[in-house]
């Protein structure tokens, strides 16, 4: 379950919510994505980190990925060391990276594998890694094993990216993907685009995105593809609504696991 699904909760509450909703993994936002977003004091030797570790142990939930590492022109990657150390201690596998530097070569150079984590660059239309083509170019230039891309169907759609291009990329670049829905009509201005991405995501099947085409790229893979259920709803629906999220191909009404052990037929 992605942090964006229930961003108003604290990390321990997110873990408990994921457990109650039947997920196997959770995504935790260790650093805020914006200056106005709430900041949870979980990085370093803090009581909140200890509480989160305890809840993870009690529930058996794993941490799939953590957010968010922004690579800007003036970023000193060493400044992220406390965040990355905390992520490793929480057992995270991946760290979500936003490319906010117009210099692609510099972004590629700074994509690394810190503390055993795999950095996943997420193309977003308002960043300097805007779409799947540019993201793939950066990951290829990085040339590092376990450095890859994370695909968000909303961003994928809003940038006009092609599933044909997606099929041409190495499968090992995709350790996991996000899964959500949104209105079919693309916003016509940046403010609406940002708001929709951060506060108006929809349960898969309730919107108009081509989720079948998005998922088809990963069909036939011999390994499971963990998926981050990234449905952000109003606060009154929160954790209970997360239980309703259908997985791709779910026609029986019962919610399938979106976050782990998704093995597709070959």
C-alpha atoms as a PDB file:
ATOM      1  CA  UNK A   1       0.000   0.000   0.000  1.00  0.00           C
ATOM      2  CA  UNK A   2       1.449   3.312  -1.057  1.00  0.00           C
ATOM      3  CA  UNK A   3       1.880   6.121   1.445  1.00  0.00           C
ATOM      4  CA  UNK A   4      -0.179   8.359  -0.825  1.00  0.00           C
ATOM      5  CA  UNK A   5      -3.202   6.132  -0.194  1.00  0.00           C
ATOM      6  CA  UNK A   6      -3.402   7.314   3.428  1.00  0.00           C
ATOM      7  CA  UNK A   7      -0.905  10.149   3.610  1.00  0.00           C
ATOM      8  CA  UNK A   8      -2.642  11.724   6.597  1.00  0.00           C
ATOM      9  CA  UNK A   9      -1.589   8.774   8.796  1.00  0.00           C
ATOM     10  CA  UNK A  10       1.684   8.426  10.676  1.00  0.00           C
ATOM     11  CA  UNK A  11       4.061   5.672   9.524  1.00  0.00           C
ATOM     12  CA  UNK A  12       3.012   3.245  12.311  1.00  0.00           C
ATOM     13  CA  UNK A  13      -0.641   3.915  11.480  1.00  0.00           C
ATOM     14  CA  UNK A  14       0.071   3.276   7.795  1.00  0.00           C
ATOM     15  CA  UNK A  15       1.578  -0.088   8.650  1.00  0.00           C
ATOM     16  CA  UNK A  16      -1.417  -1.014  10.800  1.00  0.00           C
ATOM     17  CA  UNK A  17      -3.787   0.136   8.058  1.00  0.00           C
ATOM     18  CA  UNK A  18      -1.972  -1.987   5.463  1.00  0.00           C
ATOM     19  CA  UNK A  19      -2.172  -5.002   7.734  1.00  0.00           C
ATOM     20  CA  UNK A  20      -5.899  -4.572   8.367  1.00  0.00           C
ATOM     21  CA  UNK A  21      -6.577  -4.082   4.664  1.00  0.00           C
ATOM     22  CA  UNK A  22      -4.754  -7.285   3.759  1.00  0.00           C
ATOM     23  CA  UNK A  23      -1.584  -5.977   2.156  1.00  0.00           C
ATOM     24  CA  UNK A  24       1.850  -7.565   2.484  1.00  0.00           C
ATOM     25  CA  UNK A  25       3.959  -4.447   1.935  1.00  0.00           C
ATOM     26  CA  UNK A  26       3.803  -0.744   2.612  1.00  0.00           C
ATOM     27  CA  UNK A  27       5.513   2.289   1.123  1.00  0.00           C
ATOM     28  CA  UNK A  28       6.674   4.865   3.668  1.00  0.00           C
ATOM     29  CA  UNK A  29       7.332   8.532   2.964  1.00  0.00           C
ATOM     30  CA  UNK A  30      10.342   9.286   5.146  1.00  0.00           C
ATOM     31  CA  UNK A  31      10.792  12.788   3.727  1.00  0.00           C
ATOM     32  CA  UNK A  32       7.945  15.066   2.579  1.00  0.00           C
ATOM     33  CA  UNK A  33       7.403  15.612  -1.124  1.00  0.00           C
ATOM     34  CA  UNK A  34       6.510  19.300  -0.690  1.00  0.00           C
ATOM     35  CA  UNK A  35       7.234  22.106   1.750  1.00  0.00           C
ATOM     36  CA  UNK A  36       3.602  22.144   2.912  1.00  0.00           C
ATOM     37  CA  UNK A  37       3.317  18.429   3.567  1.00  0.00           C
ATOM     38  CA  UNK A  38       3.481  17.102   7.107  1.00  0.00           C
ATOM     39  CA  UNK A  39       6.930  15.871   8.139  1.00  0.00           C
ATOM     40  CA  UNK A  40       7.109  12.820  10.391  1.00  0.00           C
ATOM     41  CA  UNK A  41      10.201  12.624  12.579  1.00  0.00           C
ATOM     42  CA  UNK A  42      11.112   9.075  11.604  1.00  0.00           C
ATOM     43  CA  UNK A  43      14.643   9.592  10.258  1.00  0.00           C
ATOM     44  CA  UNK A  44      17.400   8.792  12.731  1.00  0.00           C
ATOM     45  CA  UNK A  45      17.184   7.496  16.290  1.00  0.00           C
ATOM     46  CA  UNK A  46      13.662   8.737  16.980  1.00  0.00           C
ATOM     47  CA  UNK A  47      10.759   7.345  19.025  1.00  0.00           C
ATOM     48  CA  UNK A  48       8.625   7.249  15.856  1.00  0.00           C
ATOM     49  CA  UNK A  49      11.121   5.039  14.079  1.00  0.00           C
ATOM     50  CA  UNK A  50      11.233   2.657  17.026  1.00  0.00           C
ATOM     51  CA  UNK A  51       7.438   2.549  17.090  1.00  0.00           C
ATOM     52  CA  UNK A  52       7.338   1.861  13.357  1.00  0.00           C
ATOM     53  CA  UNK A  53       9.850  -0.966  13.676  1.00  0.00           C
ATOM     54  CA  UNK A  54       7.785  -2.490  16.465  1.00  0.00           C
ATOM     55  CA  UNK A  55       4.558  -2.346  14.431  1.00  0.00           C
ATOM     56  CA  UNK A  56       6.307  -3.837  11.405  1.00  0.00           C
ATOM     57  CA  UNK A  57       7.461  -6.728  13.549  1.00  0.00           C
ATOM     58  CA  UNK A  58       4.061  -7.229  15.183  1.00  0.00           C
ATOM     59  CA  UNK A  59       2.114  -7.180  11.895  1.00  0.00           C
ATOM     60  CA  UNK A  60       4.592  -8.940   9.631  1.00  0.00           C
ATOM     61  CA  UNK A  61       4.233  -6.162   7.061  1.00  0.00           C
ATOM     62  CA  UNK A  62       7.315  -5.435   4.966  1.00  0.00           C
ATOM     63  CA  UNK A  63       8.537  -2.084   3.643  1.00  0.00           C
ATOM     64  CA  UNK A  64       8.671  -2.217  -0.144  1.00  0.00           C
ATOM     65  CA  UNK A  65       9.959   1.281  -0.827  1.00  0.00           C
ATOM     66  CA  UNK A  66      10.544   4.673   0.754  1.00  0.00           C
ATOM     67  CA  UNK A  67      10.136   8.235  -0.520  1.00  0.00           C
ATOM     68  CA  UNK A  68      11.400  10.636  -1.614  1.00  0.00           C
ATOM     69  CA  UNK A  69      14.905  11.451  -2.789  1.00  0.00           C
ATOM     70  CA  UNK A  70      15.049  14.511  -5.058  1.00  0.00           C
ATOM     71  CA  UNK A  71      18.073  15.005  -7.266  1.00  0.00           C
ATOM     72  CA  UNK A  72      18.394  18.747  -7.885  1.00  0.00           C
ATOM     73  CA  UNK A  73      21.352  20.611  -9.404  1.00  0.00           C
ATOM     74  CA  UNK A  74      22.652  21.516  -5.941  1.00  0.00           C
ATOM     75  CA  UNK A  75      21.820  18.204  -4.243  1.00  0.00           C
ATOM     76  CA  UNK A  76      24.539  16.669  -2.126  1.00  0.00           C
ATOM     77  CA  UNK A  77      23.571  12.992  -2.079  1.00  0.00           C
ATOM     78  CA  UNK A  78      25.499  12.545   1.171  1.00  0.00           C
ATOM     79  CA  UNK A  79      22.857  14.716   2.864  1.00  0.00           C
ATOM     80  CA  UNK A  80      20.398  11.865   2.322  1.00  0.00           C
ATOM     81  CA  UNK A  81      22.539   9.394   4.280  1.00  0.00           C
ATOM     82  CA  UNK A  82      20.377   9.520   7.457  1.00  0.00           C
ATOM     83  CA  UNK A  83      17.220   8.915   5.410  1.00  0.00           C
ATOM     84  CA  UNK A  84      18.813   6.027   3.526  1.00  0.00           C
ATOM     85  CA  UNK A  85      20.182   4.499   6.725  1.00  0.00           C
ATOM     86  CA  UNK A  86      16.698   4.625   8.226  1.00  0.00           C
ATOM     87  CA  UNK A  87      15.241   3.057   5.088  1.00  0.00           C
ATOM     88  CA  UNK A  88      17.723   0.191   5.290  1.00  0.00           C
ATOM     89  CA  UNK A  89      16.948  -0.310   8.972  1.00  0.00           C
ATOM     90  CA  UNK A  90      13.236  -0.496   8.147  1.00  0.00           C
ATOM     91  CA  UNK A  91      14.013  -3.217   5.618  1.00  0.00           C
ATOM     92  CA  UNK A  92      13.098  -1.247   2.488  1.00  0.00           C
ATOM     93  CA  UNK A  93      14.021  -2.646  -0.906  1.00  0.00           C
ATOM     94  CA  UNK A  94      13.664   0.441  -3.093  1.00  0.00           C
ATOM     95  CA  UNK A  95      13.980   4.199  -2.803  1.00  0.00           C
ATOM     96  CA  UNK A  96      11.849   6.420  -5.042  1.00  0.00           C
ATOM     97  CA  UNK A  97      13.877   9.092  -6.842  1.00  0.00           C
ATOM     98  CA  UNK A  98      12.595  12.279  -8.494  1.00  0.00           C
ATOM     99  CA  UNK A  99      14.785  13.804 -11.198  1.00  0.00           C
ATOM    100  CA  UNK A 100      14.697  17.563 -10.595  1.00  0.00           C
ATOM    101  CA  UNK A 101      17.911  18.337 -12.456  1.00  0.00           C
ATOM    102  CA  UNK A 102      17.912  19.365 -16.147  1.00  0.00           C
ATOM    103  CA  UNK A 103      21.393  17.863 -16.485  1.00  0.00           C
ATOM    104  CA  UNK A 104      20.647  14.236 -17.376  1.00  0.00           C
ATOM    105  CA  UNK A 105      24.284  13.174 -17.149  1.00  0.00           C
ATOM    106  CA  UNK A 106      24.546  14.487 -13.586  1.00  0.00           C
ATOM    107  CA  UNK A 107      21.322  12.737 -12.597  1.00  0.00           C
ATOM    108  CA  UNK A 108      22.581   9.471 -14.066  1.00  0.00           C
ATOM    109  CA  UNK A 109      25.912   9.823 -12.293  1.00  0.00           C
ATOM    110  CA  UNK A 110      24.217  10.267  -8.908  1.00  0.00           C
ATOM    111  CA  UNK A 111      21.905   7.271  -9.236  1.00  0.00           C
ATOM    112  CA  UNK A 112      23.583   4.720  -7.009  1.00  0.00           C
ATOM    113  CA  UNK A 113      22.767   1.727  -4.820  1.00  0.00           C
ATOM    114  CA  UNK A 114      23.119   3.111  -1.305  1.00  0.00           C
ATOM    115  CA  UNK A 115      22.821   0.865   1.741  1.00  0.00           C
ATOM    116  CA  UNK A 116      21.619  -2.072  -0.334  1.00  0.00           C
ATOM    117  CA  UNK A 117      18.620  -0.118  -1.667  1.00  0.00           C
ATOM    118  CA  UNK A 118      17.668  -0.012  -5.331  1.00  0.00           C
ATOM    119  CA  UNK A 119      16.956   3.527  -6.589  1.00  0.00           C
ATOM    120  CA  UNK A 120      13.898   3.759  -8.830  1.00  0.00           C
ATOM    121  CA  UNK A 121      13.540   6.910 -10.928  1.00  0.00           C
ATOM    122  CA  UNK A 122       9.918   7.986 -11.339  1.00  0.00           C
ATOM    123  CA  UNK A 123       9.196  10.038 -14.478  1.00  0.00           C
ATOM    124  CA  UNK A 124       6.754  12.847 -13.634  1.00  0.00           C
ATOM    125  CA  UNK A 125       5.590  15.539 -16.072  1.00  0.00           C
ATOM    126  CA  UNK A 126       6.531  18.477 -13.808  1.00  0.00           C
ATOM    127  CA  UNK A 127      10.073  17.230 -13.123  1.00  0.00           C
ATOM    128  CA  UNK A 128      13.149  17.216 -15.347  1.00  0.00           C
ATOM    129  CA  UNK A 129      12.699  13.481 -15.930  1.00  0.00           C
ATOM    130  CA  UNK A 130       9.329  14.043 -17.540  1.00  0.00           C
ATOM    131  CA  UNK A 131       8.431  10.808 -19.301  1.00  0.00           C
ATOM    132  CA  UNK A 132       9.379   7.181 -19.849  1.00  0.00           C
ATOM    133  CA  UNK A 133      11.705   7.997 -22.766  1.00  0.00           C
ATOM    134  CA  UNK A 134      13.732  10.491 -20.755  1.00  0.00           C
ATOM    135  CA  UNK A 135      13.705   8.282 -17.672  1.00  0.00           C
ATOM    136  CA  UNK A 136      14.956   5.307 -19.688  1.00  0.00           C
ATOM    137  CA  UNK A 137      17.738   7.428 -21.159  1.00  0.00           C
ATOM    138  CA  UNK A 138      18.909   8.403 -17.665  1.00  0.00           C
ATOM    139  CA  UNK A 139      18.770   4.849 -16.289  1.00  0.00           C
ATOM    140  CA  UNK A 140      20.653   3.521 -19.314  1.00  0.00           C
ATOM    141  CA  UNK A 141      23.323   6.188 -18.878  1.00  0.00           C
ATOM    142  CA  UNK A 142      23.649   5.291 -15.181  1.00  0.00           C
ATOM    143  CA  UNK A 143      24.605   1.751 -16.202  1.00  0.00           C
ATOM    144  CA  UNK A 144      24.186   0.316 -12.721  1.00  0.00           C
ATOM    145  CA  UNK A 145      22.567  -2.970 -11.793  1.00  0.00           C
ATOM    146  CA  UNK A 146      19.380  -2.652  -9.717  1.00  0.00           C
ATOM    147  CA  UNK A 147      18.903   0.961 -10.796  1.00  0.00           C
ATOM    148  CA  UNK A 148      15.606   1.244 -12.601  1.00  0.00           C
ATOM    149  CA  UNK A 149      12.325   2.976 -13.257  1.00  0.00           C
ATOM    150  CA  UNK A 150       9.021   3.063 -11.436  1.00  0.00           C
ATOM    151  CA  UNK A 151       5.965   3.597 -13.599  1.00  0.00           C
ATOM    152  CA  UNK A 152       2.925   5.455 -12.321  1.00  0.00           C
ATOM    153  CA  UNK A 153      -0.062   4.979 -14.682  1.00  0.00           C
ATOM    154  CA  UNK A 154      -1.283   8.521 -14.025  1.00  0.00           C
ATOM    155  CA  UNK A 155       2.047  10.133 -14.939  1.00  0.00           C
ATOM    156  CA  UNK A 156       2.450   7.657 -17.797  1.00  0.00           C
ATOM    157  CA  UNK A 157      -0.875   8.751 -19.255  1.00  0.00           C
ATOM    158  CA  UNK A 158      -0.426  12.492 -18.665  1.00  0.00           C
ATOM    159  CA  UNK A 159       2.874  12.553 -20.551  1.00  0.00           C
ATOM    160  CA  UNK A 160       1.441  10.674 -23.534  1.00  0.00           C
ATOM    161  CA  UNK A 161       3.889   7.824 -23.034  1.00  0.00           C
ATOM    162  CA  UNK A 162       3.516   4.743 -25.220  1.00  0.00           C
ATOM    163  CA  UNK A 163       3.034   1.156 -24.058  1.00  0.00           C
ATOM    164  CA  UNK A 164       5.031   0.225 -27.148  1.00  0.00           C
ATOM    165  CA  UNK A 165       8.016   2.105 -25.748  1.00  0.00           C
ATOM    166  CA  UNK A 166       7.455   0.438 -22.388  1.00  0.00           C
ATOM    167  CA  UNK A 167       7.602  -3.016 -23.978  1.00  0.00           C
ATOM    168  CA  UNK A 168      10.988  -2.240 -25.507  1.00  0.00           C
ATOM    169  CA  UNK A 169      12.664  -1.555 -22.156  1.00  0.00           C
ATOM    170  CA  UNK A 170      14.543  -4.233 -20.172  1.00  0.00           C
ATOM    171  CA  UNK A 171      12.245  -5.979 -17.714  1.00  0.00           C
ATOM    172  CA  UNK A 172      14.917  -5.884 -15.007  1.00  0.00           C
ATOM    173  CA  UNK A 173      14.522  -2.105 -14.857  1.00  0.00           C
ATOM    174  CA  UNK A 174      11.110  -2.524 -13.213  1.00  0.00           C
ATOM    175  CA  UNK A 175      11.334  -3.845  -9.677  1.00  0.00           C
ATOM    176  CA  UNK A 176       7.816  -2.680  -8.911  1.00  0.00           C
ATOM    177  CA  UNK A 177       5.147  -0.378 -10.321  1.00  0.00           C
ATOM    178  CA  UNK A 178       2.435   1.846  -8.935  1.00  0.00           C
ATOM    179  CA  UNK A 179      -1.207   1.147  -9.647  1.00  0.00           C
ATOM    180  CA  UNK A 180      -4.026   3.697  -9.541  1.00  0.00           C
ATOM    181  CA  UNK A 181      -6.760   5.215 -11.669  1.00  0.00           C
ATOM    182  CA  UNK A 182      -7.742   8.766 -12.618  1.00  0.00           C
ATOM    183  CA  UNK A 183     -10.188  10.589 -14.914  1.00  0.00           C
ATOM    184  CA  UNK A 184      -9.500   9.928 -18.584  1.00  0.00           C
ATOM    185  CA  UNK A 185      -9.388  13.625 -19.445  1.00  0.00           C
ATOM    186  CA  UNK A 186      -5.976  15.181 -18.926  1.00  0.00           C
ATOM    187  CA  UNK A 187      -5.818  18.467 -16.976  1.00  0.00           C
ATOM    188  CA  UNK A 188      -5.002  21.512 -19.082  1.00  0.00           C
ATOM    189  CA  UNK A 189      -2.820  23.325 -16.534  1.00  0.00           C
ATOM    190  CA  UNK A 190      -0.028  22.428 -14.158  1.00  0.00           C
ATOM    191  CA  UNK A 191      -1.853  23.322 -10.936  1.00  0.00           C
ATOM    192  CA  UNK A 192      -4.711  20.946 -11.722  1.00  0.00           C
ATOM    193  CA  UNK A 193      -2.280  18.264 -12.829  1.00  0.00           C
ATOM    194  CA  UNK A 194      -0.389  18.500  -9.537  1.00  0.00           C
ATOM    195  CA  UNK A 195      -3.564  18.512  -7.454  1.00  0.00           C
ATOM    196  CA  UNK A 196      -5.005  15.522  -9.260  1.00  0.00           C
ATOM    197  CA  UNK A 197      -1.783  13.542  -8.813  1.00  0.00           C
ATOM    198  CA  UNK A 198      -1.480  14.355  -5.125  1.00  0.00           C
ATOM    199  CA  UNK A 199      -5.081  14.413  -3.920  1.00  0.00           C
ATOM    200  CA  UNK A 200      -7.552  13.000  -6.457  1.00  0.00           C
ATOM    201  CA  UNK A 201      -6.349   9.565  -7.403  1.00  0.00           C
ATOM    202  CA  UNK A 202      -8.981   6.888  -7.831  1.00  0.00           C
ATOM    203  CA  UNK A 203      -9.461   3.200  -7.065  1.00  0.00           C
ATOM    204  CA  UNK A 204      -8.435   1.048 -10.081  1.00  0.00           C
ATOM    205  CA  UNK A 205     -11.477   0.623 -12.287  1.00  0.00           C
ATOM    206  CA  UNK A 206     -13.200   3.831 -11.165  1.00  0.00           C
ATOM    207  CA  UNK A 207     -11.432   6.105 -13.632  1.00  0.00           C
ATOM    208  CA  UNK A 208     -10.520   6.131 -17.291  1.00  0.00           C
ATOM    209  CA  UNK A 209      -6.836   5.178 -17.494  1.00  0.00           C
ATOM    210  CA  UNK A 210      -5.733   2.287 -19.693  1.00  0.00           C
ATOM    211  CA  UNK A 211      -4.775   0.044 -16.793  1.00  0.00           C
ATOM    212  CA  UNK A 212      -5.057  -3.126 -18.860  1.00  0.00           C
ATOM    213  CA  UNK A 213      -2.492  -1.799 -21.306  1.00  0.00           C
ATOM    214  CA  UNK A 214      -0.333  -0.579 -18.436  1.00  0.00           C
ATOM    215  CA  UNK A 215      -0.362  -4.031 -16.817  1.00  0.00           C
ATOM    216  CA  UNK A 216       0.171  -5.974 -20.037  1.00  0.00           C
ATOM    217  CA  UNK A 217       3.853  -4.992 -20.145  1.00  0.00           C
ATOM    218  CA  UNK A 218       4.478  -7.127 -17.077  1.00  0.00           C
ATOM    219  CA  UNK A 219       2.452 -10.186 -18.118  1.00  0.00           C
ATOM    220  CA  UNK A 220       4.435 -13.366 -18.624  1.00  0.00           C
ATOM    221  CA  UNK A 221       7.266 -12.420 -16.311  1.00  0.00           C
ATOM    222  CA  UNK A 222       8.701 -15.387 -14.437  1.00  0.00           C
ATOM    223  CA  UNK A 223       8.967 -13.406 -11.205  1.00  0.00           C
ATOM    224  CA  UNK A 224       6.393 -11.530  -9.203  1.00  0.00           C
ATOM    225  CA  UNK A 225       5.990  -7.798  -9.660  1.00  0.00           C
ATOM    226  CA  UNK A 226       5.187  -6.036  -6.379  1.00  0.00           C
ATOM    227  CA  UNK A 227       2.681  -3.284  -7.040  1.00  0.00           C
ATOM    228  CA  UNK A 228       2.163  -0.211  -4.955  1.00  0.00           C
ATOM    229  CA  UNK A 229      -1.560   0.473  -4.504  1.00  0.00           C
ATOM    230  CA  UNK A 230      -1.430   4.204  -4.933  1.00  0.00           C
ATOM    231  CA  UNK A 231      -5.057   5.234  -4.487  1.00  0.00           C
ATOM    232  CA  UNK A 232      -5.396   8.550  -2.691  1.00  0.00           C
ATOM    233  CA  UNK A 233      -8.960   9.238  -1.516  1.00  0.00           C
ATOM    234  CA  UNK A 234     -10.731  11.607   0.853  1.00  0.00           C
ATOM    235  CA  UNK A 235      -9.929  11.192   4.524  1.00  0.00           C
ATOM    236  CA  UNK A 236     -13.365   9.777   5.341  1.00  0.00           C
ATOM    237  CA  UNK A 237     -12.655   6.716   3.163  1.00  0.00           C
ATOM    238  CA  UNK A 238      -9.007   6.138   4.187  1.00  0.00           C
ATOM    239  CA  UNK A 239      -8.072   2.711   5.488  1.00  0.00           C
ATOM    240  CA  UNK A 240     -11.435   1.009   5.026  1.00  0.00           C
ATOM    241  CA  UNK A 241     -11.511   2.012   1.367  1.00  0.00           C
ATOM    242  CA  UNK A 242      -8.063   0.575   0.782  1.00  0.00           C
ATOM    243  CA  UNK A 243      -9.566  -2.884   1.286  1.00  0.00           C
ATOM    244  CA  UNK A 244     -11.735  -2.384  -1.807  1.00  0.00           C
ATOM    245  CA  UNK A 245      -8.895  -1.825  -4.247  1.00  0.00           C
ATOM    246  CA  UNK A 246      -9.179  -4.446  -7.002  1.00  0.00           C
ATOM    247  CA  UNK A 247      -6.115  -5.918  -8.619  1.00  0.00           C
ATOM    248  CA  UNK A 248      -5.717  -6.149 -12.405  1.00  0.00           C
ATOM    249  CA  UNK A 249      -7.979  -8.838 -13.804  1.00  0.00           C
ATOM    250  CA  UNK A 250     -10.022  -9.147 -10.628  1.00  0.00           C
ATOM    251  CA  UNK A 251     -13.567  -9.872 -11.793  1.00  0.00           C
ATOM    252  CA  UNK A 252     -14.910 -11.608  -8.733  1.00  0.00           C
ATOM    253  CA  UNK A 253     -15.209  -8.544  -6.557  1.00  0.00           C
ATOM    254  CA  UNK A 254     -12.762  -9.824  -3.944  1.00  0.00           C
ATOM    255  CA  UNK A 255      -9.698  -7.689  -3.470  1.00  0.00           C
ATOM    256  CA  UNK A 256      -6.498  -9.408  -4.574  1.00  0.00           C
ATOM    257  CA  UNK A 257      -3.082  -8.574  -3.204  1.00  0.00           C
ATOM    258  CA  UNK A 258      -1.662  -5.489  -4.910  1.00  0.00           C
ATOM    259  CA  UNK A 259       1.651  -5.317  -3.138  1.00  0.00           C
ATOM    260  CA  UNK A 260       3.326  -8.695  -3.198  1.00  0.00           C
ATOM    261  CA  UNK A 261       3.543 -12.085  -4.826  1.00  0.00           C
ATOM    262  CA  UNK A 262       1.837 -11.025  -8.032  1.00  0.00           C
ATOM    263  CA  UNK A 263       2.884 -13.768 -10.454  1.00  0.00           C
ATOM    264  CA  UNK A 264       1.490 -13.461 -13.950  1.00  0.00           C
ATOM    265  CA  UNK A 265       0.686 -16.376 -16.208  1.00  0.00           C
ATOM    266  CA  UNK A 266       3.344 -17.148 -18.790  1.00  0.00           C
END
